Amino acid sequence: MANQNNSGRNRVLVPEARKSLDQFKLEVANELGIANYDGQDKGNLSSRQNGYVGGYMVKKMIEQVQRNMTGK
């Protein structure tokens, strides 16, 4: 049975990065056209909207790491 305790999920591994990650999340939400993402209760957004923000963040982070790896 899967662990239903979310203790390992959505945890910031580098606590000093929390503020930057929150800012990045807002920038991504704005790029995706989700207005007032910062002021909204995320529970009022659809799973699709919340997932899209997280997925797009991961995509952009992977692109940045790949650029860093290739020196571009």
C-alpha atoms as a PDB file:
ATOM      1  CA  MET A   1       0.000   0.000   0.000  1.00  0.00           C
ATOM      2  CA  ALA A   2       1.343   3.434  -0.914  1.00  0.00           C
ATOM      3  CA  ASN A   3       2.289   5.786   1.852  1.00  0.00           C
ATOM      4  CA  GLN A   4      -0.594   8.242   2.133  1.00  0.00           C
ATOM      5  CA  ASN A   5       1.376  10.583   4.364  1.00  0.00           C
ATOM      6  CA  ASN A   6       2.619  13.422   2.130  1.00  0.00           C
ATOM      7  CA  SER A   7       5.706  14.014   4.277  1.00  0.00           C
ATOM      8  CA  GLY A   8       8.075  13.606   1.308  1.00  0.00           C
ATOM      9  CA  ARG A   9       6.072  15.537  -1.249  1.00  0.00           C
ATOM     10  CA  ASN A  10       6.325  19.224  -2.054  1.00  0.00           C
ATOM     11  CA  ARG A  11       9.265  19.597   0.280  1.00  0.00           C
ATOM     12  CA  VAL A  12      11.857  22.243  -0.557  1.00  0.00           C
ATOM     13  CA  LEU A  13      15.191  20.407  -0.438  1.00  0.00           C
ATOM     14  CA  VAL A  14      17.174  23.629  -0.099  1.00  0.00           C
ATOM     15  CA  PRO A  15      15.254  25.851   2.336  1.00  0.00           C
ATOM     16  CA  GLU A  16      17.157  28.945   1.195  1.00  0.00           C
ATOM     17  CA  ALA A  17      15.579  28.499  -2.256  1.00  0.00           C
ATOM     18  CA  ARG A  18      11.958  28.716  -1.047  1.00  0.00           C
ATOM     19  CA  LYS A  19      11.535  32.431  -1.794  1.00  0.00           C
ATOM     20  CA  SER A  20      13.018  32.068  -5.283  1.00  0.00           C
ATOM     21  CA  LEU A  21      10.837  29.037  -6.017  1.00  0.00           C
ATOM     22  CA  ASP A  22       7.721  30.916  -4.907  1.00  0.00           C
ATOM     23  CA  GLN A  23       8.648  33.821  -7.183  1.00  0.00           C
ATOM     24  CA  PHE A  24       9.327  31.410 -10.054  1.00  0.00           C
ATOM     25  CA  LYS A  25       5.918  29.806  -9.499  1.00  0.00           C
ATOM     26  CA  LEU A  26       4.238  33.218  -9.777  1.00  0.00           C
ATOM     27  CA  GLU A  27       6.147  34.035 -12.967  1.00  0.00           C
ATOM     28  CA  VAL A  28       5.122  30.719 -14.533  1.00  0.00           C
ATOM     29  CA  ALA A  29       1.471  31.205 -13.522  1.00  0.00           C
ATOM     30  CA  ASN A  30       1.525  34.660 -15.123  1.00  0.00           C
ATOM     31  CA  GLU A  31       3.078  33.221 -18.311  1.00  0.00           C
ATOM     32  CA  LEU A  32       0.277  30.665 -18.407  1.00  0.00           C
ATOM     33  CA  GLY A  33      -2.354  33.361 -17.961  1.00  0.00           C
ATOM     34  CA  ILE A  34      -3.484  32.366 -14.480  1.00  0.00           C
ATOM     35  CA  ALA A  35      -4.325  35.750 -12.993  1.00  0.00           C
ATOM     36  CA  ASN A  36      -3.834  36.542  -9.298  1.00  0.00           C
ATOM     37  CA  TYR A  37      -2.186  33.181  -8.639  1.00  0.00           C
ATOM     38  CA  ASP A  38      -0.437  34.614  -5.574  1.00  0.00           C
ATOM     39  CA  GLY A  39      -3.634  35.873  -3.960  1.00  0.00           C
ATOM     40  CA  GLN A  40      -5.760  32.820  -4.763  1.00  0.00           C
ATOM     41  CA  ASP A  41      -6.489  29.866  -2.560  1.00  0.00           C
ATOM     42  CA  LYS A  42      -4.921  27.100  -4.656  1.00  0.00           C
ATOM     43  CA  GLY A  43      -7.837  24.872  -3.611  1.00  0.00           C
ATOM     44  CA  ASN A  44     -10.107  27.075  -5.723  1.00  0.00           C
ATOM     45  CA  LEU A  45      -8.091  26.276  -8.846  1.00  0.00           C
ATOM     46  CA  SER A  46      -8.627  23.115 -10.821  1.00  0.00           C
ATOM     47  CA  SER A  47      -6.196  20.224 -10.526  1.00  0.00           C
ATOM     48  CA  ARG A  48      -5.356  20.845 -14.160  1.00  0.00           C
ATOM     49  CA  GLN A  49      -4.359  24.468 -13.484  1.00  0.00           C
ATOM     50  CA  ASN A  50      -2.258  23.628 -10.433  1.00  0.00           C
ATOM     51  CA  GLY A  51      -0.639  20.699 -12.222  1.00  0.00           C
ATOM     52  CA  TYR A  52       0.071  22.788 -15.283  1.00  0.00           C
ATOM     53  CA  VAL A  53       1.967  25.356 -13.216  1.00  0.00           C
ATOM     54  CA  GLY A  54       4.070  22.661 -11.537  1.00  0.00           C
ATOM     55  CA  GLY A  55       4.703  20.792 -14.764  1.00  0.00           C
ATOM     56  CA  TYR A  56       5.737  23.928 -16.611  1.00  0.00           C
ATOM     57  CA  MET A  57       8.088  24.843 -13.761  1.00  0.00           C
ATOM     58  CA  VAL A  58       9.778  21.439 -14.057  1.00  0.00           C
ATOM     59  CA  LYS A  59      10.053  21.803 -17.838  1.00  0.00           C
ATOM     60  CA  LYS A  60      11.721  25.211 -17.501  1.00  0.00           C
ATOM     61  CA  MET A  61      14.096  23.948 -14.788  1.00  0.00           C
ATOM     62  CA  ILE A  62      15.147  20.983 -16.934  1.00  0.00           C
ATOM     63  CA  GLU A  63      15.763  23.299 -19.903  1.00  0.00           C
ATOM     64  CA  GLN A  64      17.971  25.501 -17.712  1.00  0.00           C
ATOM     65  CA  VAL A  65      19.987  22.545 -16.424  1.00  0.00           C
ATOM     66  CA  GLN A  66      20.462  21.280 -19.981  1.00  0.00           C
ATOM     67  CA  ARG A  67      21.681  24.732 -21.070  1.00  0.00           C
ATOM     68  CA  ASN A  68      24.113  24.776 -18.145  1.00  0.00           C
ATOM     69  CA  MET A  69      25.377  21.320 -19.058  1.00  0.00           C
ATOM     70  CA  THR A  70      26.040  22.302 -22.658  1.00  0.00           C
ATOM     71  CA  GLY A  71      27.368  25.763 -21.863  1.00  0.00           C
ATOM     72  CA  LYS A  72      24.687  27.535 -23.934  1.00  0.00           C
END
